[in-house]
PDB file of N, CA and C in Angstrom:
ATOM      1  N   MET A   1       0.811  -1.191   0.000  1.00  0.00           N
ATOM      2  CA  MET A   1       0.000   0.000   0.000  1.00  0.00           C
ATOM      3  C   MET A   1       0.852   1.252   0.000  1.00  0.00           C
ATOM      4  N   GLU A   2       1.923   1.251   0.780  1.00  0.00           N
ATOM      5  CA  GLU A   2       2.782   2.423   0.806  1.00  0.00           C
ATOM      6  C   GLU A   2       3.395   2.671  -0.567  1.00  0.00           C
ATOM      7  N   ALA A   3       3.750   1.593  -1.258  1.00  0.00           N
ATOM      8  CA  ALA A   3       4.327   1.748  -2.601  1.00  0.00           C
ATOM      9  C   ALA A   3       3.311   2.392  -3.532  1.00  0.00           C
ATOM     10  N   ALA A   4       2.087   1.908  -3.496  1.00  0.00           N
ATOM     11  CA  ALA A   4       1.035   2.468  -4.351  1.00  0.00           C
ATOM     12  C   ALA A   4       0.760   3.916  -3.980  1.00  0.00           C
ATOM     13  N   SER A   5       0.741   4.206  -2.685  1.00  0.00           N
ATOM     14  CA  SER A   5       0.505   5.567  -2.223  1.00  0.00           C
ATOM     15  C   SER A   5       1.613   6.506  -2.702  1.00  0.00           C
ATOM     16  N   THR A   6       2.860   6.051  -2.597  1.00  0.00           N
ATOM     17  CA  THR A   6       3.996   6.850  -3.057  1.00  0.00           C
ATOM     18  C   THR A   6       3.911   7.082  -4.557  1.00  0.00           C
ATOM     19  N   LEU A   7       3.591   6.041  -5.286  1.00  0.00           N
ATOM     20  CA  LEU A   7       3.497   6.149  -6.738  1.00  0.00           C
ATOM     21  C   LEU A   7       2.371   7.088  -7.151  1.00  0.00           C
ATOM     22  N   MET A   8       1.253   7.049  -6.453  1.00  0.00           N
ATOM     23  CA  MET A   8       0.112   7.889  -6.809  1.00  0.00           C
ATOM     24  C   MET A   8       0.441   9.371  -6.679  1.00  0.00           C
ATOM     25  N   LYS A   9       1.421   9.705  -5.849  1.00  0.00           N
ATOM     26  CA  LYS A   9       1.829  11.101  -5.673  1.00  0.00           C
ATOM     27  C   LYS A   9       2.856  11.530  -6.718  1.00  0.00           C
ATOM     28  N   SER A  10       3.299  10.609  -7.536  1.00  0.00           N
ATOM     29  CA  SER A  10       4.348  10.868  -8.514  1.00  0.00           C
ATOM     30  C   SER A  10       3.771  11.155  -9.895  1.00  0.00           C
ATOM     31  N   SER A  11       4.508  11.945 -10.660  1.00  0.00           N
ATOM     32  CA  SER A  11       4.095  12.200 -12.045  1.00  0.00           C
ATOM     33  C   SER A  11       4.255  10.959 -12.913  1.00  0.00           C
ATOM     34  N   LEU A  12       4.920   9.940 -12.391  1.00  0.00           N
ATOM     35  CA  LEU A  12       5.115   8.697 -13.138  1.00  0.00           C
ATOM     36  C   LEU A  12       3.895   7.781 -13.100  1.00  0.00           C
ATOM     37  N   ILE A  13       2.883   8.148 -12.358  1.00  0.00           N
ATOM     38  CA  ILE A  13       1.702   7.303 -12.205  1.00  0.00           C
ATOM     39  C   ILE A  13       1.095   6.937 -13.559  1.00  0.00           C
ATOM     40  N   ALA A  14       1.090   7.867 -14.484  1.00  0.00           N
ATOM     41  CA  ALA A  14       0.450   7.627 -15.785  1.00  0.00           C
ATOM     42  C   ALA A  14       1.115   6.517 -16.587  1.00  0.00           C
ATOM     43  N   ILE A  15       2.410   6.311 -16.401  1.00  0.00           N
ATOM     44  CA  ILE A  15       3.073   5.249 -17.158  1.00  0.00           C
ATOM     45  C   ILE A  15       3.223   3.967 -16.350  1.00  0.00           C
ATOM     46  N   CYS A  16       2.931   4.027 -15.061  1.00  0.00           N
ATOM     47  CA  CYS A  16       3.117   2.851 -14.203  1.00  0.00           C
ATOM     48  C   CYS A  16       1.883   1.977 -14.096  1.00  0.00           C
ATOM     49  N   LEU A  17       0.761   2.595 -13.876  1.00  0.00           N
ATOM     50  CA  LEU A  17      -0.457   1.831 -13.631  1.00  0.00           C
ATOM     51  C   LEU A  17      -1.560   2.257 -14.583  1.00  0.00           C
ATOM     52  N   SER A  18      -2.410   1.315 -14.916  1.00  0.00           N
ATOM     53  CA  SER A  18      -3.580   1.628 -15.732  1.00  0.00           C
ATOM     54  C   SER A  18      -4.781   1.741 -14.794  1.00  0.00           C
ATOM     55  N   PRO A  19      -5.876   2.347 -15.240  1.00  0.00           N
ATOM     56  CA  PRO A  19      -7.045   2.494 -14.364  1.00  0.00           C
ATOM     57  C   PRO A  19      -7.544   1.173 -13.776  1.00  0.00           C
ATOM     58  N   ARG A  20      -7.473   0.085 -14.532  1.00  0.00           N
ATOM     59  CA  ARG A  20      -7.983  -1.192 -14.005  1.00  0.00           C
ATOM     60  C   ARG A  20      -7.139  -1.700 -12.833  1.00  0.00           C
ATOM     61  N   ASP A  21      -5.871  -1.281 -12.777  1.00  0.00           N
ATOM     62  CA  ASP A  21      -5.008  -1.700 -11.672  1.00  0.00           C
ATOM     63  C   ASP A  21      -5.477  -1.131 -10.337  1.00  0.00           C
ATOM     64  N   PHE A  22      -6.146   0.006 -10.383  1.00  0.00           N
ATOM     65  CA  PHE A  22      -6.566   0.656  -9.154  1.00  0.00           C
ATOM     66  C   PHE A  22      -7.761  -0.011  -8.485  1.00  0.00           C
ATOM     67  N   VAL A  23      -8.446  -0.883  -9.191  1.00  0.00           N
ATOM     68  CA  VAL A  23      -9.621  -1.554  -8.630  1.00  0.00           C
ATOM     69  C   VAL A  23      -9.241  -2.398  -7.415  1.00  0.00           C
ATOM     70  N   ALA A  24      -8.102  -3.056  -7.460  1.00  0.00           N
ATOM     71  CA  ALA A  24      -7.676  -3.943  -6.374  1.00  0.00           C
ATOM     72  C   ALA A  24      -7.078  -3.199  -5.192  1.00  0.00           C
ATOM     73  N   ILE A  25      -6.632  -1.978  -5.391  1.00  0.00           N
ATOM     74  CA  ILE A  25      -5.911  -1.276  -4.333  1.00  0.00           C
ATOM     75  C   ILE A  25      -6.787  -0.903  -3.133  1.00  0.00           C
ATOM     76  N   PRO A  26      -7.973  -0.300  -3.308  1.00  0.00           N
ATOM     77  CA  PRO A  26      -8.739   0.120  -2.128  1.00  0.00           C
ATOM     78  C   PRO A  26      -9.078  -0.981  -1.121  1.00  0.00           C
ATOM     79  N   PRO A  27      -9.563  -2.167  -1.530  1.00  0.00           N
ATOM     80  CA  PRO A  27      -9.872  -3.185  -0.517  1.00  0.00           C
ATOM     81  C   PRO A  27      -8.639  -3.631   0.278  1.00  0.00           C
ATOM     82  N   MET A  28      -7.514  -3.800  -0.399  1.00  0.00           N
ATOM     83  CA  MET A  28      -6.297  -4.199   0.314  1.00  0.00           C
ATOM     84  C   MET A  28      -5.841  -3.084   1.238  1.00  0.00           C
ATOM     85  N   GLY A  29      -5.922  -1.864   0.748  1.00  0.00           N
ATOM     86  CA  GLY A  29      -5.514  -0.719   1.563  1.00  0.00           C
ATOM     87  C   GLY A  29      -6.361  -0.576   2.804  1.00  0.00           C
ATOM     88  N   THR A  30      -7.649  -0.801   2.668  1.00  0.00           N
ATOM     89  CA  THR A  30      -8.547  -0.715   3.813  1.00  0.00           C
ATOM     90  C   THR A  30      -8.184  -1.750   4.866  1.00  0.00           C
ATOM     91  N   ALA A  31      -7.916  -2.966   4.436  1.00  0.00           N
ATOM     92  CA  ALA A  31      -7.544  -4.032   5.378  1.00  0.00           C
ATOM     93  C   ALA A  31      -6.245  -3.702   6.101  1.00  0.00           C
ATOM     94  N   ILE A  32      -5.277  -3.212   5.368  1.00  0.00           N
ATOM     95  CA  ILE A  32      -3.981  -2.890   5.975  1.00  0.00           C
ATOM     96  C   ILE A  32      -4.101  -1.685   6.896  1.00  0.00           C
ATOM     97  N   LYS A  33      -4.807  -0.648   6.459  1.00  0.00           N
ATOM     98  CA  LYS A  33      -4.958   0.551   7.287  1.00  0.00           C
ATOM     99  C   LYS A  33      -5.713   0.260   8.575  1.00  0.00           C
ATOM    100  N   ALA A  34      -6.626  -0.691   8.540  1.00  0.00           N
ATOM    101  CA  ALA A  34      -7.396  -1.039   9.735  1.00  0.00           C
ATOM    102  C   ALA A  34      -6.539  -1.744  10.777  1.00  0.00           C
ATOM    103  N   ASN A  35      -5.432  -2.316  10.353  1.00  0.00           N
ATOM    104  CA  ASN A  35      -4.604  -3.093  11.272  1.00  0.00           C
ATOM    105  C   ASN A  35      -3.125  -2.960  10.897  1.00  0.00           C
ATOM    106  N   ARG A  36      -2.652  -1.716  10.774  1.00  0.00           N
ATOM    107  CA  ARG A  36      -1.290  -1.436  10.302  1.00  0.00           C
ATOM    108  C   ARG A  36      -0.216  -2.188  11.073  1.00  0.00           C
ATOM    109  N   ALA A  37      -0.309  -2.190  12.376  1.00  0.00           N
ATOM    110  CA  ALA A  37       0.741  -2.812  13.193  1.00  0.00           C
ATOM    111  C   ALA A  37       0.878  -4.298  12.900  1.00  0.00           C
ATOM    112  N   SER A  38      -0.212  -4.958  12.594  1.00  0.00           N
ATOM    113  CA  SER A  38      -0.164  -6.399  12.325  1.00  0.00           C
ATOM    114  C   SER A  38       0.488  -6.727  10.987  1.00  0.00           C
ATOM    115  N   PHE A  39       0.505  -5.782  10.059  1.00  0.00           N
ATOM    116  CA  PHE A  39       1.152  -5.982   8.764  1.00  0.00           C
ATOM    117  C   PHE A  39       2.591  -5.465   8.765  1.00  0.00           C
ATOM    118  N   HIS A  40       2.948  -4.691   9.779  1.00  0.00           N
ATOM    119  CA  HIS A  40       4.276  -4.076   9.864  1.00  0.00           C
ATOM    120  C   HIS A  40       5.355  -5.142   9.990  1.00  0.00           C
ATOM    121  N   ILE A  41       6.535  -4.863   9.443  1.00  0.00           N
ATOM    122  CA  ILE A  41       7.634  -5.822   9.504  1.00  0.00           C
ATOM    123  C   ILE A  41       8.024  -6.127  10.952  1.00  0.00           C
ATOM    124  N   GLY A  42       7.753  -5.193  11.856  1.00  0.00           N
ATOM    125  CA  GLY A  42       8.039  -5.389  13.276  1.00  0.00           C
ATOM    126  C   GLY A  42       6.794  -5.762  14.070  1.00  0.00           C
ATOM    127  N   ALA A  43       5.855  -6.440  13.438  1.00  0.00           N
ATOM    128  CA  ALA A  43       4.578  -6.778  14.083  1.00  0.00           C
ATOM    129  C   ALA A  43       4.757  -7.565  15.372  1.00  0.00           C
ATOM    130  N   ALA A  44       5.669  -8.503  15.401  1.00  0.00           N
ATOM    131  CA  ALA A  44       5.859  -9.317  16.612  1.00  0.00           C
ATOM    132  C   ALA A  44       6.218  -8.429  17.791  1.00  0.00           C
ATOM    133  N   TYR A  45       7.064  -7.445  17.564  1.00  0.00           N
ATOM    134  CA  TYR A  45       7.453  -6.518  18.624  1.00  0.00           C
ATOM    135  C   TYR A  45       6.300  -5.575  18.968  1.00  0.00           C
ATOM    136  N   LEU A  46       5.621  -5.077  17.951  1.00  0.00           N
ATOM    137  CA  LEU A  46       4.559  -4.094  18.166  1.00  0.00           C
ATOM    138  C   LEU A  46       3.294  -4.682  18.772  1.00  0.00           C
ATOM    139  N   THR A  47       2.955  -5.905  18.372  1.00  0.00           N
ATOM    140  CA  THR A  47       1.669  -6.474  18.785  1.00  0.00           C
ATOM    141  C   THR A  47       1.784  -7.707  19.666  1.00  0.00           C
ATOM    142  N   GLY A  48       2.972  -8.297  19.703  1.00  0.00           N
ATOM    143  CA  GLY A  48       3.129  -9.553  20.437  1.00  0.00           C
ATOM    144  C   GLY A  48       2.609 -10.747  19.653  1.00  0.00           C
ATOM    145  N   GLN A  49       2.189 -10.528  18.426  1.00  0.00           N
ATOM    146  CA  GLN A  49       1.655 -11.577  17.556  1.00  0.00           C
ATOM    147  C   GLN A  49       2.503 -11.651  16.287  1.00  0.00           C
ATOM    148  N   PRO A  50       2.526 -12.805  15.627  1.00  0.00           N
ATOM    149  CA  PRO A  50       3.263 -12.888  14.359  1.00  0.00           C
ATOM    150  C   PRO A  50       2.678 -11.921  13.328  1.00  0.00           C
ATOM    151  N   ARG A  51       3.517 -11.492  12.437  1.00  0.00           N
ATOM    152  CA  ARG A  51       3.107 -10.572  11.381  1.00  0.00           C
ATOM    153  C   ARG A  51       2.093 -11.240  10.459  1.00  0.00           C
ATOM    154  N   ILE A  52       1.061 -10.501  10.075  1.00  0.00           N
ATOM    155  CA  ILE A  52       0.123 -10.984   9.066  1.00  0.00           C
ATOM    156  C   ILE A  52       0.850 -10.884   7.737  1.00  0.00           C
ATOM    157  N   GLN A  53       0.937 -11.977   7.038  1.00  0.00           N
ATOM    158  CA  GLN A  53       1.664 -11.990   5.775  1.00  0.00           C
ATOM    159  C   GLN A  53       0.824 -11.353   4.674  1.00  0.00           C
ATOM    160  N   TYR A  54       1.452 -10.486   3.949  1.00  0.00           N
ATOM    161  CA  TYR A  54       0.819  -9.839   2.814  1.00  0.00           C
ATOM    162  C   TYR A  54       0.815 -10.826   1.655  1.00  0.00           C
ATOM    163  N   ASN A  55      -0.320 -11.027   1.066  1.00  0.00           N
ATOM    164  CA  ASN A  55      -0.438 -11.968  -0.042  1.00  0.00           C
ATOM    165  C   ASN A  55      -0.189 -11.239  -1.358  1.00  0.00           C
ATOM    166  N   ALA A  56       1.034 -11.316  -1.835  1.00  0.00           N
ATOM    167  CA  ALA A  56       1.396 -10.599  -3.062  1.00  0.00           C
ATOM    168  C   ALA A  56       0.628 -11.104  -4.276  1.00  0.00           C
ATOM    169  N   SER A  57       0.103 -12.323  -4.215  1.00  0.00           N
ATOM    170  CA  SER A  57      -0.621 -12.843  -5.375  1.00  0.00           C
ATOM    171  C   SER A  57      -1.867 -12.019  -5.667  1.00  0.00           C
ATOM    172  N   GLU A  58      -2.391 -11.320  -4.652  1.00  0.00           N
ATOM    173  CA  GLU A  58      -3.549 -10.457  -4.869  1.00  0.00           C
ATOM    174  C   GLU A  58      -3.173  -9.216  -5.678  1.00  0.00           C
ATOM    175  N   ALA A  59      -1.893  -8.919  -5.733  1.00  0.00           N
ATOM    176  CA  ALA A  59      -1.439  -7.715  -6.414  1.00  0.00           C
ATOM    177  C   ALA A  59      -0.405  -8.015  -7.496  1.00  0.00           C
ATOM    178  N   GLU A  60      -0.362  -9.261  -7.926  1.00  0.00           N
ATOM    179  CA  GLU A  60       0.657  -9.674  -8.896  1.00  0.00           C
ATOM    180  C   GLU A  60       0.682  -8.804 -10.144  1.00  0.00           C
ATOM    181  N   GLN A  61      -0.481  -8.319 -10.568  1.00  0.00           N
ATOM    182  CA  GLN A  61      -0.529  -7.594 -11.833  1.00  0.00           C
ATOM    183  C   GLN A  61       0.226  -6.274 -11.804  1.00  0.00           C
ATOM    184  N   TRP A  62       0.591  -5.756 -10.620  1.00  0.00           N
ATOM    185  CA  TRP A  62       1.343  -4.506 -10.572  1.00  0.00           C
ATOM    186  C   TRP A  62       2.507  -4.488  -9.600  1.00  0.00           C
ATOM    187  N   MET A  63       2.824  -5.602  -8.982  1.00  0.00           N
ATOM    188  CA  MET A  63       3.935  -5.618  -8.020  1.00  0.00           C
ATOM    189  C   MET A  63       5.292  -5.398  -8.689  1.00  0.00           C
ATOM    190  N   GLY A  64       5.470  -5.865  -9.893  1.00  0.00           N
ATOM    191  CA  GLY A  64       6.728  -5.632 -10.597  1.00  0.00           C
ATOM    192  C   GLY A  64       6.946  -4.157 -10.881  1.00  0.00           C
ATOM    193  N   ARG A  65       5.896  -3.494 -11.347  1.00  0.00           N
ATOM    194  CA  ARG A  65       6.002  -2.064 -11.641  1.00  0.00           C
ATOM    195  C   ARG A  65       6.213  -1.254 -10.374  1.00  0.00           C
ATOM    196  N   LEU A  66       5.449  -1.587  -9.327  1.00  0.00           N
ATOM    197  CA  LEU A  66       5.632  -0.872  -8.063  1.00  0.00           C
ATOM    198  C   LEU A  66       7.025  -1.112  -7.501  1.00  0.00           C
ATOM    199  N   GLY A  67       7.470  -2.352  -7.579  1.00  0.00           N
ATOM    200  CA  GLY A  67       8.798  -2.681  -7.072  1.00  0.00           C
ATOM    201  C   GLY A  67       9.892  -1.935  -7.808  1.00  0.00           C
ATOM    202  N   MET A  68       9.783  -1.881  -9.132  1.00  0.00           N
ATOM    203  CA  MET A  68      10.776  -1.136  -9.914  1.00  0.00           C
ATOM    204  C   MET A  68      10.749   0.342  -9.548  1.00  0.00           C
ATOM    205  N   PHE A  69       9.532   0.889  -9.396  1.00  0.00           N
ATOM    206  CA  PHE A  69       9.398   2.298  -9.031  1.00  0.00           C
ATOM    207  C   PHE A  69      10.096   2.569  -7.699  1.00  0.00           C
ATOM    208  N   ILE A  70       9.819   1.756  -6.691  1.00  0.00           N
ATOM    209  CA  ILE A  70      10.425   1.957  -5.370  1.00  0.00           C
ATOM    210  C   ILE A  70      11.927   1.731  -5.426  1.00  0.00           C
ATOM    211  N   ASP A  71      12.358   0.661  -6.073  1.00  0.00           N
ATOM    212  CA  ASP A  71      13.783   0.335  -6.139  1.00  0.00           C
ATOM    213  C   ASP A  71      14.590   1.439  -6.818  1.00  0.00           C
ATOM    214  N   ILE A  72      14.040   2.038  -7.850  1.00  0.00           N
ATOM    215  CA  ILE A  72      14.775   3.053  -8.602  1.00  0.00           C
ATOM    216  C   ILE A  72      14.587   4.453  -8.026  1.00  0.00           C
ATOM    217  N   MET A  73      13.370   4.799  -7.651  1.00  0.00           N
ATOM    218  CA  MET A  73      13.098   6.166  -7.216  1.00  0.00           C
ATOM    219  C   MET A  73      13.321   6.388  -5.720  1.00  0.00           C
ATOM    220  N   SER A  74      13.243   5.337  -4.913  1.00  0.00           N
ATOM    221  CA  SER A  74      13.439   5.459  -3.458  1.00  0.00           C
ATOM    222  C   SER A  74      14.272   4.297  -2.932  1.00  0.00           C
ATOM    223  N   PRO A  75      15.474   4.098  -3.458  1.00  0.00           N
ATOM    224  CA  PRO A  75      16.245   2.901  -3.123  1.00  0.00           C
ATOM    225  C   PRO A  75      16.679   2.792  -1.664  1.00  0.00           C
ATOM    226  N   LYS A  76      16.726   3.898  -0.946  1.00  0.00           N
ATOM    227  CA  LYS A  76      17.169   3.857   0.454  1.00  0.00           C
ATOM    228  C   LYS A  76      16.003   3.861   1.435  1.00  0.00           C
ATOM    229  N   SER A  77      14.798   3.787   0.923  1.00  0.00           N
ATOM    230  CA  SER A  77      13.617   3.825   1.784  1.00  0.00           C
ATOM    231  C   SER A  77      13.422   2.497   2.506  1.00  0.00           C
ATOM    232  N   THR A  78      12.676   2.547   3.582  1.00  0.00           N
ATOM    233  CA  THR A  78      12.321   1.332   4.310  1.00  0.00           C
ATOM    234  C   THR A  78      11.545   0.399   3.396  1.00  0.00           C
ATOM    235  N   LEU A  79      10.687   0.960   2.590  1.00  0.00           N
ATOM    236  CA  LEU A  79       9.868   0.172   1.674  1.00  0.00           C
ATOM    237  C   LEU A  79      10.728  -0.628   0.694  1.00  0.00           C
ATOM    238  N   ALA A  80      11.836  -0.054   0.263  1.00  0.00           N
ATOM    239  CA  ALA A  80      12.724  -0.751  -0.673  1.00  0.00           C
ATOM    240  C   ALA A  80      13.358  -1.985  -0.038  1.00  0.00           C
ATOM    241  N   LYS A  81      13.348  -2.040   1.284  1.00  0.00           N
ATOM    242  CA  LYS A  81      13.926  -3.189   1.989  1.00  0.00           C
ATOM    243  C   LYS A  81      12.931  -4.340   2.152  1.00  0.00           C
ATOM    244  N   SER A  82      11.704  -4.138   1.721  1.00  0.00           N
ATOM    245  CA  SER A  82      10.682  -5.178   1.827  1.00  0.00           C
ATOM    246  C   SER A  82      11.082  -6.400   1.011  1.00  0.00           C
ATOM    247  N   PRO A  83      10.847  -7.592   1.551  1.00  0.00           N
ATOM    248  CA  PRO A  83      11.147  -8.793   0.768  1.00  0.00           C
ATOM    249  C   PRO A  83      10.343  -8.860  -0.533  1.00  0.00           C
ATOM    250  N   HIS A  84       9.212  -8.185  -0.593  1.00  0.00           N
ATOM    251  CA  HIS A  84       8.408  -8.159  -1.821  1.00  0.00           C
ATOM    252  C   HIS A  84       9.087  -7.361  -2.924  1.00  0.00           C
ATOM    253  N   PHE A  85      10.040  -6.499  -2.539  1.00  0.00           N
ATOM    254  CA  PHE A  85      10.708  -5.646  -3.515  1.00  0.00           C
ATOM    255  C   PHE A  85      12.197  -5.937  -3.648  1.00  0.00           C
ATOM    256  N   SER A  86      12.611  -7.147  -3.309  1.00  0.00           N
ATOM    257  CA  SER A  86      14.002  -7.522  -3.574  1.00  0.00           C
ATOM    258  C   SER A  86      14.168  -7.614  -5.093  1.00  0.00           C
ATOM    259  N   VAL A  87      15.377  -7.418  -5.576  1.00  0.00           N
ATOM    260  CA  VAL A  87      15.610  -7.415  -7.027  1.00  0.00           C
ATOM    261  C   VAL A  87      15.132  -8.714  -7.671  1.00  0.00           C
ATOM    262  N   ASP A  88      15.473  -9.846  -7.061  1.00  0.00           N
ATOM    263  CA  ASP A  88      15.043 -11.135  -7.623  1.00  0.00           C
ATOM    264  C   ASP A  88      13.528 -11.249  -7.654  1.00  0.00           C
ATOM    265  N   ARG A  89      12.896 -10.797  -6.591  1.00  0.00           N
ATOM    266  CA  ARG A  89      11.435 -10.888  -6.511  1.00  0.00           C
ATOM    267  C   ARG A  89      10.781  -9.976  -7.542  1.00  0.00           C
ATOM    268  N   ILE A  90      11.300  -8.752  -7.666  1.00  0.00           N
ATOM    269  CA  ILE A  90      10.741  -7.820  -8.648  1.00  0.00           C
ATOM    270  C   ILE A  90      10.812  -8.428 -10.046  1.00  0.00           C
ATOM    271  N   GLN A  91      11.944  -9.022 -10.360  1.00  0.00           N
ATOM    272  CA  GLN A  91      12.129  -9.596 -11.692  1.00  0.00           C
ATOM    273  C   GLN A  91      11.264 -10.831 -11.923  1.00  0.00           C
ATOM    274  N   SER A  92      10.766 -11.432 -10.851  1.00  0.00           N
ATOM    275  CA  SER A  92       9.921 -12.620 -10.999  1.00  0.00           C
ATOM    276  C   SER A  92       8.449 -12.281 -11.246  1.00  0.00           C
ATOM    277  N   TYR A  93       8.044 -11.046 -10.973  1.00  0.00           N
ATOM    278  CA  TYR A  93       6.646 -10.672 -11.189  1.00  0.00           C
ATOM    279  C   TYR A  93       6.353 -10.593 -12.690  1.00  0.00           C
ATOM    280  N   ALA A  94       5.140 -10.961 -13.056  1.00  0.00           N
ATOM    281  CA  ALA A  94       4.748 -11.035 -14.470  1.00  0.00           C
ATOM    282  C   ALA A  94       4.858  -9.698 -15.195  1.00  0.00           C
ATOM    283  N   ASP A  95       4.670  -8.595 -14.479  1.00  0.00           N
ATOM    284  CA  ASP A  95       4.694  -7.294 -15.155  1.00  0.00           C
ATOM    285  C   ASP A  95       6.073  -6.634 -15.141  1.00  0.00           C
ATOM    286  N   PHE A  96       7.107  -7.379 -14.748  1.00  0.00           N
ATOM    287  CA  PHE A  96       8.462  -6.825 -14.812  1.00  0.00           C
ATOM    288  C   PHE A  96       8.817  -6.563 -16.270  1.00  0.00           C
ATOM    289  N   SER A  97       9.419  -5.416 -16.524  1.00  0.00           N
ATOM    290  CA  SER A  97       9.796  -5.045 -17.887  1.00  0.00           C
ATOM    291  C   SER A  97      11.106  -4.266 -17.852  1.00  0.00           C
ATOM    292  N   THR A  98      12.092  -4.736 -18.595  1.00  0.00           N
ATOM    293  CA  THR A  98      13.352  -3.990 -18.652  1.00  0.00           C
ATOM    294  C   THR A  98      13.149  -2.645 -19.348  1.00  0.00           C
ATOM    295  N   ASP A  99      12.197  -2.574 -20.268  1.00  0.00           N
ATOM    296  CA  ASP A  99      11.901  -1.291 -20.919  1.00  0.00           C
ATOM    297  C   ASP A  99      11.383  -0.286 -19.894  1.00  0.00           C
ATOM    298  N   PHE A 100      10.468  -0.734 -19.039  1.00  0.00           N
ATOM    299  CA  PHE A 100       9.931   0.149 -18.005  1.00  0.00           C
ATOM    300  C   PHE A 100      11.030   0.533 -17.018  1.00  0.00           C
ATOM    301  N   GLU A 101      11.869  -0.415 -16.671  1.00  0.00           N
ATOM    302  CA  GLU A 101      12.996  -0.149 -15.777  1.00  0.00           C
ATOM    303  C   GLU A 101      13.911   0.919 -16.398  1.00  0.00           C
ATOM    304  N   ASN A 102      14.185   0.791 -17.681  1.00  0.00           N
ATOM    305  CA  ASN A 102      15.009   1.785 -18.384  1.00  0.00           C
ATOM    306  C   ASN A 102      14.335   3.151 -18.412  1.00  0.00           C
ATOM    307  N   ASP A 103      13.007   3.173 -18.607  1.00  0.00           N
ATOM    308  CA  ASP A 103      12.262   4.438 -18.591  1.00  0.00           C
ATOM    309  C   ASP A 103      12.396   5.128 -17.237  1.00  0.00           C
ATOM    310  N   LEU A 104      12.277   4.360 -16.156  1.00  0.00           N
ATOM    311  CA  LEU A 104      12.411   4.934 -14.816  1.00  0.00           C
ATOM    312  C   LEU A 104      13.820   5.476 -14.586  1.00  0.00           C
ATOM    313  N   ASN A 105      14.821   4.719 -14.996  1.00  0.00           N
ATOM    314  CA  ASN A 105      16.205   5.183 -14.842  1.00  0.00           C
ATOM    315  C   ASN A 105      16.451   6.453 -15.652  1.00  0.00           C
ATOM    316  N   SER A 106      15.906   6.524 -16.858  1.00  0.00           N
ATOM    317  CA  SER A 106      16.048   7.731 -17.686  1.00  0.00           C
ATOM    318  C   SER A 106      15.369   8.920 -17.028  1.00  0.00           C
ATOM    319  N   TYR A 107      14.173   8.696 -16.506  1.00  0.00           N
ATOM    320  CA  TYR A 107      13.436   9.760 -15.827  1.00  0.00           C
ATOM    321  C   TYR A 107      14.230  10.271 -14.627  1.00  0.00           C
ATOM    322  N   LYS A 108      14.774   9.351 -13.851  1.00  0.00           N
ATOM    323  CA  LYS A 108      15.541   9.740 -12.663  1.00  0.00           C
ATOM    324  C   LYS A 108      16.770  10.554 -13.066  1.00  0.00           C
ATOM    325  N   LEU A 109      17.464  10.124 -14.097  1.00  0.00           N
ATOM    326  CA  LEU A 109      18.646  10.843 -14.576  1.00  0.00           C
ATOM    327  C   LEU A 109      18.272  12.230 -15.092  1.00  0.00           C
ATOM    328  N   GLN A 110      17.207  12.316 -15.884  1.00  0.00           N
ATOM    329  CA  GLN A 110      16.777  13.609 -16.414  1.00  0.00           C
ATOM    330  C   GLN A 110      16.339  14.549 -15.299  1.00  0.00           C
ATOM    331  N   SER A 111      15.672  14.009 -14.285  1.00  0.00           N
ATOM    332  CA  SER A 111      15.245  14.828 -13.146  1.00  0.00           C
ATOM    333  C   SER A 111      16.449  15.364 -12.387  1.00  0.00           C
ATOM    334  N   ALA A 112      17.453  14.521 -12.199  1.00  0.00           N
ATOM    335  CA  ALA A 112      18.667  14.941 -11.494  1.00  0.00           C
ATOM    336  C   ALA A 112      19.403  16.017 -12.291  1.00  0.00           C
ATOM    337  N   MET A 113      19.475  15.841 -13.598  1.00  0.00           N
ATOM    338  CA  MET A 113      20.154  16.830 -14.439  1.00  0.00           C
ATOM    339  C   MET A 113      19.394  18.154 -14.443  1.00  0.00           C
ATOM    340  N   ALA A 114      18.076  18.094 -14.485  1.00  0.00           N
ATOM    341  CA  ALA A 114      17.266  19.312 -14.448  1.00  0.00           C
ATOM    342  C   ALA A 114      17.461  20.040 -13.125  1.00  0.00           C
ATOM    343  N   ALA A 115      17.549  19.291 -12.037  1.00  0.00           N
ATOM    344  CA  ALA A 115      17.771  19.901 -10.723  1.00  0.00           C
ATOM    345  C   ALA A 115      19.132  20.589 -10.672  1.00  0.00           C
ATOM    346  N   LEU A 116      20.139  19.978 -11.272  1.00  0.00           N
ATOM    347  CA  LEU A 116      21.474  20.589 -11.311  1.00  0.00           C
ATOM    348  C   LEU A 116      21.466  21.881 -12.124  1.00  0.00           C
ATOM    349  N   CYS A 117      20.717  21.894 -13.200  1.00  0.00           N
ATOM    350  CA  CYS A 117      20.645  23.085 -14.050  1.00  0.00           C
ATOM    351  C   CYS A 117      19.952  24.246 -13.346  1.00  0.00           C
ATOM    352  N   ARG A 118      19.053  23.930 -12.426  1.00  0.00           N
ATOM    353  CA  ARG A 118      18.320  24.974 -11.697  1.00  0.00           C
ATOM    354  C   ARG A 118      19.177  25.624 -10.623  1.00  0.00           C
ATOM    355  N   THR A 119      20.250  24.951 -10.210  1.00  0.00           N
ATOM    356  CA  THR A 119      21.075  25.514  -9.128  1.00  0.00           C
ATOM    357  C   THR A 119      22.144  26.428  -9.637  1.00  0.00           C
TER     358      THR A 119
END
């Protein structure tokens, strides 16, 4: 959910997800938001109960794109450390695309160069 939320705030949303991809996001988001601590990586510490495992198969159609977005645009974030977004895992999702990965890298480079030109 955090990955989708981060992506939705980005100008890259138009090339990452299609409208049909958003149908699955609200129900999952509602479940996670209702019980955030239980889905947190530190759930055992926070709740005294084992972590509720996130079922990535419910989001398979966009986990590769979200993973690439997080890995490239926010590589040092806590979210990038998620086992769902490890490089091997991202590449295993059906929607993984080296073309999309290249587009994200190009966007990041162009954004960095534009920022340098403004200074």
